[in-house]
Protein backbone atom coordinates (compact mmCIF):
# COMPACT_ATOMS: atom_id res chain seq x y z
CA UNK A 1 -3.99 10.68 25.05
CA UNK A 2 -5.53 7.12 23.77
CA UNK A 3 -8.58 7.32 21.78
CA UNK A 4 -10.35 4.31 19.91
CA UNK A 5 -10.77 4.84 16.16
CA UNK A 6 -14.46 4.82 16.60
CA UNK A 7 -14.36 7.61 19.07
CA UNK A 8 -12.81 10.16 16.42
CA UNK A 9 -16.24 11.49 15.72
CA UNK A 10 -16.48 12.75 19.10
CA UNK A 11 -13.86 15.44 17.85
CA UNK A 12 -15.93 18.09 16.49
CA UNK A 13 -12.98 20.62 15.95
CA UNK A 14 -9.27 20.72 15.43
CA UNK A 15 -8.10 21.79 18.83
CA UNK A 16 -5.80 18.81 18.82
CA UNK A 17 -2.85 19.50 16.44
CA UNK A 18 -0.73 16.18 16.63
CA UNK A 19 -2.26 12.64 15.72
CA UNK A 20 -0.61 9.34 15.51
CA UNK A 21 -2.12 6.52 14.07
CA UNK A 22 -0.42 3.18 14.50
CA UNK A 23 -0.94 -0.55 13.31
CA UNK A 24 -1.03 -2.65 10.26
CA UNK A 25 -4.51 -2.04 9.06
CA UNK A 26 -3.50 0.54 6.36
CA UNK A 27 -7.08 0.29 4.98
CA UNK A 28 -8.66 1.57 8.19
CA UNK A 29 -5.88 4.14 8.68
CA UNK A 30 -6.60 5.66 5.12
CA UNK A 31 -10.17 5.74 5.85
CA UNK A 32 -9.79 7.61 8.97
CA UNK A 33 -7.45 10.21 7.36
CA UNK A 34 -9.77 10.70 4.61
CA UNK A 35 -13.13 10.75 6.58
CA UNK A 36 -11.97 12.65 9.64
CA UNK A 37 -9.26 15.02 8.15
CA UNK A 38 -9.21 15.49 4.52
CA UNK A 39 -12.92 15.71 4.03
CA UNK A 40 -13.58 17.86 6.79
CA UNK A 41 -10.20 19.90 6.70
CA UNK A 42 -10.72 22.47 3.75
CA UNK A 43 -7.23 23.84 3.68
CA UNK A 44 -3.80 23.19 2.12
CA UNK A 45 -2.83 19.34 2.66
CA UNK A 46 0.98 18.34 2.59
CA UNK A 47 2.00 14.94 2.26
CA UNK A 48 5.38 13.76 3.30
CA UNK A 49 7.28 10.14 3.78
CA UNK A 50 9.53 10.20 6.90
CA UNK A 51 12.64 9.48 5.11
CA UNK A 52 11.76 12.82 2.78
CA UNK A 53 11.72 14.69 6.02
CA UNK A 54 14.74 13.16 7.58
CA UNK A 55 16.66 13.83 4.41
CA UNK A 56 15.95 17.47 4.51
CA UNK A 57 14.46 18.72 7.84
CA UNK A 58 15.08 22.48 7.18
CA UNK A 59 12.69 22.08 4.15
CA UNK A 60 9.89 20.51 6.49
CA UNK A 61 10.46 22.91 9.30
CA UNK A 62 10.38 25.74 6.97
CA UNK A 63 7.02 24.73 5.73
CA UNK A 64 5.46 24.23 9.19
CA UNK A 65 6.93 27.43 10.74
CA UNK A 66 6.26 29.88 7.93
CA UNK A 67 2.87 31.13 7.17
CA UNK A 68 1.79 32.66 4.20
CA UNK A 69 -0.78 35.74 4.31
CA UNK A 70 -3.11 33.56 2.22
CA UNK A 71 -2.98 30.40 4.44
CA UNK A 72 -5.21 30.03 7.30
CA UNK A 73 -4.43 26.59 8.46
CA UNK A 74 -2.41 23.63 7.12
CA UNK A 75 -2.17 19.85 7.47
CA UNK A 76 0.72 17.54 7.13
CA UNK A 77 0.23 13.84 6.59
CA UNK A 78 3.51 11.89 7.09
CA UNK A 79 3.77 8.06 6.25
CA UNK A 80 6.13 5.32 7.33
CA UNK A 81 6.79 7.04 10.56
CA UNK A 82 9.26 5.19 13.03
CA UNK A 83 11.03 6.16 16.21
CA UNK A 84 13.25 8.30 14.37
CA UNK A 85 10.57 10.87 14.13
CA UNK A 86 10.46 11.38 17.80
CA UNK A 87 12.88 14.20 18.13
CA UNK A 88 11.20 16.03 15.29
CA UNK A 89 7.96 16.01 17.35
CA UNK A 90 9.53 17.16 20.36
CA UNK A 91 10.85 20.23 18.37
CA UNK A 92 7.46 21.06 17.04
CA UNK A 93 6.15 20.80 20.57
CA UNK A 94 8.65 23.30 22.15
CA UNK A 95 8.00 25.77 19.25
CA UNK A 96 4.00 25.64 20.23
CA UNK A 97 3.14 26.04 16.40
CA UNK A 98 -0.31 27.05 15.54
CA UNK A 99 -2.64 26.67 12.64
CA UNK A 100 -1.09 23.40 11.60
CA UNK A 101 -2.45 19.72 11.98
CA UNK A 102 0.11 17.00 11.71
CA UNK A 103 -1.00 13.39 11.12
CA UNK A 104 1.64 10.44 11.69
CA UNK A 105 0.92 7.20 10.08
CA UNK A 106 3.18 4.34 11.48
CA UNK A 107 2.85 0.65 11.54
CA UNK A 108 3.22 -1.51 14.73
CA UNK A 109 4.73 0.34 17.74
CA UNK A 110 5.53 -1.53 20.74
CA UNK A 111 4.88 -0.33 24.30
CA UNK A 112 8.54 0.67 24.66
CA UNK A 113 8.27 2.97 21.93
CA UNK A 114 9.17 6.55 22.72
CA UNK A 115 6.96 8.19 20.00
CA UNK A 116 3.77 6.05 20.94
CA UNK A 117 4.67 6.87 24.82
CA UNK A 118 4.89 10.63 24.04
CA UNK A 119 1.45 10.56 22.24
CA UNK A 120 -0.13 8.58 25.06
CA UNK A 121 0.96 10.71 27.77
CA UNK A 122 0.32 14.22 26.56
CA UNK A 123 -3.21 15.36 26.83
CA UNK A 124 -2.94 17.68 23.97
CA UNK A 125 -2.02 14.96 21.59
CA UNK A 126 -4.13 11.97 20.16
CA UNK A 127 -2.87 8.34 19.78
CA UNK A 128 -5.05 6.22 17.77
CA UNK A 129 -4.10 2.31 17.93
CA UNK A 130 -5.70 0.72 14.70
CA UNK A 131 -6.38 -2.89 14.85
CA UNK A 132 -7.17 -5.58 12.06
CA UNK A 133 -10.67 -5.61 11.09
CA UNK A 134 -12.83 -8.61 12.28
CA UNK A 135 -14.22 -11.20 9.63
CA UNK A 136 -17.55 -10.02 10.80
CA UNK A 137 -16.92 -6.39 9.93
CA UNK A 138 -15.16 -7.40 6.49
CA UNK A 139 -18.03 -9.81 5.80
CA UNK A 140 -20.76 -6.85 6.10
CA UNK A 141 -18.63 -4.55 3.87
CA UNK A 142 -18.42 -7.21 1.29
CA UNK A 143 -22.11 -8.27 1.41
CA UNK A 144 -23.08 -4.51 1.33
CA UNK A 145 -21.11 -4.15 -1.86
CA UNK A 146 -22.62 -7.27 -3.52
CA UNK A 147 -26.04 -5.89 -2.63
CA UNK A 148 -25.70 -2.53 -4.08
CA UNK A 149 -24.09 -3.79 -7.38
CA UNK A 150 -26.82 -6.51 -7.43
CA UNK A 151 -24.30 -9.36 -8.13
CA UNK A 152 -25.08 -12.70 -7.23
CA UNK A 153 -22.29 -14.50 -5.06
CA UNK A 154 -22.28 -17.24 -2.45
CA UNK A 155 -21.28 -17.07 1.10
CA UNK A 156 -18.29 -19.39 0.61
CA UNK A 157 -17.02 -16.98 -2.19
CA UNK A 158 -17.24 -14.07 0.28
CA UNK A 159 -15.49 -16.08 2.96
CA UNK A 160 -12.66 -16.59 0.55
CA UNK A 161 -12.46 -13.08 -0.49
CA UNK A 162 -12.36 -12.19 3.18
CA UNK A 163 -9.82 -14.78 4.04
CA UNK A 164 -7.60 -12.94 1.12
CA UNK A 165 -7.80 -9.74 2.57
CA UNK A 166 -6.10 -10.48 5.71
CA UNK A 167 -8.02 -8.44 8.13
CA UNK A 168 -7.41 -5.20 6.23
CA UNK A 169 -10.30 -3.45 4.58
CA UNK A 170 -7.99 -1.52 2.36
CA UNK A 171 -7.09 -4.89 0.51
CA UNK A 172 -10.66 -5.98 0.59
CA UNK A 173 -11.73 -2.62 -1.18
CA UNK A 174 -8.81 -3.16 -3.71
CA UNK A 175 -10.29 -6.64 -4.50
CA UNK A 176 -13.83 -5.35 -4.77
CA UNK A 177 -12.86 -2.68 -7.35
CA UNK A 178 -11.41 -5.41 -9.19
CA UNK A 179 -14.44 -7.40 -9.29
CA UNK A 180 -16.69 -4.23 -10.07
CA UNK A 181 -14.35 -3.57 -13.09
CA UNK A 182 -14.62 -7.48 -14.13
CA UNK A 183 -18.43 -7.56 -13.66
CA UNK A 184 -19.60 -4.74 -15.61
CA UNK A 185 -21.76 -6.91 -18.04
CA UNK A 186 -22.46 -9.60 -15.54
CA UNK A 187 -24.69 -10.29 -12.46
CA UNK A 188 -23.00 -13.42 -10.89
CA UNK A 189 -19.59 -14.55 -9.97
CA UNK A 190 -18.05 -17.97 -9.16
CA UNK A 191 -15.41 -18.98 -6.65
CA UNK A 192 -13.11 -19.95 -9.54
CA UNK A 193 -13.25 -16.39 -10.79
CA UNK A 194 -12.57 -15.23 -7.52
CA UNK A 195 -9.55 -17.19 -7.18
CA UNK A 196 -8.17 -16.03 -10.62
CA UNK A 197 -9.10 -12.19 -10.00
CA UNK A 198 -7.99 -11.88 -6.53
CA UNK A 199 -4.48 -11.56 -5.09
CA UNK A 200 -3.22 -12.67 -1.33
CA UNK A 201 -3.07 -9.59 0.89
CA UNK A 202 0.71 -10.30 1.21
CA UNK A 203 1.19 -9.52 -2.64
CA UNK A 204 0.36 -5.62 -2.23
CA UNK A 205 3.63 -5.01 -0.91
CA UNK A 206 5.15 -7.44 -3.34
CA UNK A 207 3.39 -5.68 -6.28
CA UNK A 208 4.86 -2.62 -5.36
CA UNK A 209 8.45 -4.07 -5.16
CA UNK A 210 8.08 -5.79 -8.32
CA UNK A 211 6.76 -3.00 -10.48
CA UNK A 212 9.29 -0.81 -9.21
CA UNK A 213 11.84 -3.44 -10.34
CA UNK A 214 10.29 -4.02 -13.69
CA UNK A 215 9.99 -0.13 -14.24
CA UNK A 216 13.75 0.16 -13.55
CA UNK A 217 13.31 2.25 -10.66
CA UNK A 218 16.19 0.98 -8.63
CA UNK A 219 16.07 3.62 -5.74
CA UNK A 220 12.27 2.84 -4.98
CA UNK A 221 13.16 -1.05 -5.25
CA UNK A 222 15.91 -0.74 -2.68
CA UNK A 223 13.91 1.32 -0.30
CA UNK A 224 11.12 -1.30 -0.20
CA UNK A 225 13.63 -4.06 0.42
CA UNK A 226 15.04 -2.21 3.12
CA UNK A 227 11.74 -1.36 4.72
CA UNK A 228 10.56 -5.08 5.01
CA UNK A 229 11.73 -7.97 6.96
CA UNK A 230 11.43 -10.89 4.63
CA UNK A 231 11.14 -14.34 5.57
CA UNK A 232 12.09 -17.67 3.69
CA UNK A 233 8.55 -18.03 2.43
CA UNK A 234 8.29 -14.20 1.40
CA UNK A 235 11.34 -14.69 -0.74
CA UNK A 236 9.63 -17.69 -2.62
CA UNK A 237 6.30 -15.76 -2.86
CA UNK A 238 8.28 -12.69 -4.45
CA UNK A 239 10.19 -14.83 -7.01
CA UNK A 240 6.96 -16.80 -7.99
CA UNK A 241 5.07 -13.58 -8.13
CA UNK A 242 7.89 -12.15 -10.27
CA UNK A 243 7.34 -15.26 -12.61
CA UNK A 244 3.79 -14.81 -12.89
CA UNK A 245 4.08 -11.11 -13.85
CA UNK A 246 6.91 -11.88 -16.35
CA UNK A 247 4.65 -14.47 -18.02
CA UNK A 248 1.78 -12.05 -18.29
CA UNK A 249 4.26 -9.48 -19.97
CA UNK A 250 5.49 -12.40 -22.22
CA UNK A 251 2.05 -13.03 -23.48
CA UNK A 252 1.14 -9.20 -23.94
CA UNK A 253 4.64 -8.73 -25.83
CA UNK A 254 3.82 -11.72 -28.02
CA UNK A 255 0.47 -10.19 -29.06
CA UNK A 256 1.90 -6.65 -29.32
CA UNK A 257 4.29 -8.13 -32.08
CA UNK A 258 1.17 -9.20 -34.28
CA UNK A 259 -0.94 -6.23 -33.22
CA UNK A 260 0.76 -2.83 -32.46
CA UNK A 261 -2.20 -1.35 -30.85
CA UNK A 262 -0.92 -2.03 -27.04
CA UNK A 263 -4.06 -0.27 -25.65
CA UNK A 264 -6.59 -2.65 -27.18
CA UNK A 265 -4.39 -5.66 -25.97
CA UNK A 266 -4.34 -4.58 -22.57
CA UNK A 267 -8.00 -3.78 -22.38
CA UNK A 268 -9.04 -7.20 -23.90
CA UNK A 269 -6.38 -9.34 -21.94
CA UNK A 270 -7.70 -12.09 -19.93
CA UNK A 271 -7.94 -12.32 -16.89
CA UNK A 272 -8.62 -8.45 -17.00
CA UNK A 273 -5.83 -6.31 -16.21
CA UNK A 274 -7.02 -3.81 -13.12
CA UNK A 275 -7.16 -0.20 -14.53
CA UNK A 276 -4.50 0.95 -11.68
CA UNK A 277 -2.10 -1.68 -13.25
CA UNK A 278 -2.48 -0.39 -16.92
CA UNK A 279 0.10 2.41 -16.99
CA UNK A 280 2.77 0.18 -15.51
CA UNK A 281 1.96 -2.49 -17.91
CA UNK A 282 2.22 -0.09 -20.87
CA UNK A 283 5.67 1.26 -19.42
CA UNK A 284 7.20 -2.29 -18.79
CA UNK A 285 6.17 -3.40 -22.50
CA UNK A 286 7.60 -0.37 -24.11
CA UNK A 287 10.78 -0.38 -22.09
CA UNK A 288 11.70 -4.31 -22.55
CA UNK A 289 12.12 -6.80 -25.43
CA UNK A 290 10.51 -10.40 -25.46
CA UNK A 291 13.86 -12.03 -25.50
CA UNK A 292 14.94 -10.27 -22.32
CA UNK A 293 11.56 -11.19 -20.60
CA UNK A 294 12.05 -14.81 -21.73
CA UNK A 295 15.39 -14.90 -20.35
CA UNK A 296 14.26 -13.57 -17.11
CA UNK A 297 11.63 -16.15 -16.76
CA UNK A 298 14.49 -18.59 -16.89
CA UNK A 299 16.36 -16.89 -14.36
CA UNK A 300 13.52 -16.75 -11.99
CA UNK A 301 13.12 -20.49 -11.85
CA UNK A 302 16.91 -20.85 -11.11
CA UNK A 303 16.62 -18.25 -8.35
CA UNK A 304 13.91 -20.35 -6.62
CA UNK A 305 15.91 -23.40 -6.75
CA UNK A 306 18.62 -21.45 -5.33
CA UNK A 307 16.85 -19.89 -2.44
CA UNK A 308 15.46 -23.45 -1.60
CA UNK A 309 18.86 -24.90 -1.41
CA UNK A 310 20.30 -21.97 0.51
CA UNK A 311 17.51 -21.16 2.85
CA UNK A 312 19.61 -19.50 5.49
CA UNK A 313 20.85 -16.87 2.71
CA UNK A 314 17.41 -16.63 1.15
CA UNK A 315 16.82 -12.73 1.60
CA UNK A 316 20.17 -11.75 0.11
CA UNK A 317 19.73 -13.96 -2.90
CA UNK A 318 16.29 -12.85 -3.46
CA UNK A 319 17.49 -9.04 -2.91
CA UNK A 320 20.57 -9.14 -5.00
CA UNK A 321 18.48 -10.69 -7.87
CA UNK A 322 15.62 -8.00 -7.71
CA UNK A 323 18.16 -5.24 -7.29
CA UNK A 324 20.35 -6.00 -10.22
CA UNK A 325 17.02 -6.57 -12.55
CA UNK A 326 15.85 -3.27 -11.48
CA UNK A 327 19.10 -1.58 -13.05
């Protein structure tokens, strides 16, 4: 059964056991899961990635079909769901499992999708298409934030902020969090400051990829590369973003050689480092050498030129470089 995201409030209890949220608006999907399920569902919550389940189905089924004396209900939130999960859902339906709620979080599913058709057809299952937020919705969110924080900002600057969120409230919320951290002792912000503080929405996946690479987490790096379909423009963006990250690490490393108080260096760094990034920066500094970072900066320049000269093979060139760096 299909329902719109704003109609979820009509569901006052958990008579429905299976929910599918699909679409690119991760911010809205996360908000729906938090507001309509996690905050209302006062029981055990289990989070999985589809790949974890496909790699170990028996462990997942044990968690669903077994029931502890102390457990009343359980909720399972499964991310990055694809067509591969259709067979598992059909097995769950056959077992008629009680006292569980399963929420599937998927990206775009076309009309031919078996998984989407299954949820749309069955009246006992809820299918929730999640579309991009409108500029008007994001504009209201941003204005409410700046009004509440008593921060003076022009409409032009708000428009830039909304443009950079690419129709996803999750991206906008991330940027507003950065601004709030930056504005602790100030009451106005300029468009130039917004340009320095904020990232393009496309950079969120890029940031996760590059942090995994710099943290030497090759397994996660490869997974991210495999889960995305990059274009030539994406490859150039990734390499340029990598260069920016490396240059920031270079500056921090240079300061670290003079002053061994890494916490102080990171806290006072300009532009400010968002608190969520601080642990990654610490890990990357302690696990690297200044000479190695400087050599990597030269390599990124060479790789960008190589990608531009071999555009038909851009994804392979970029992927090979990122994977080799992550090891």
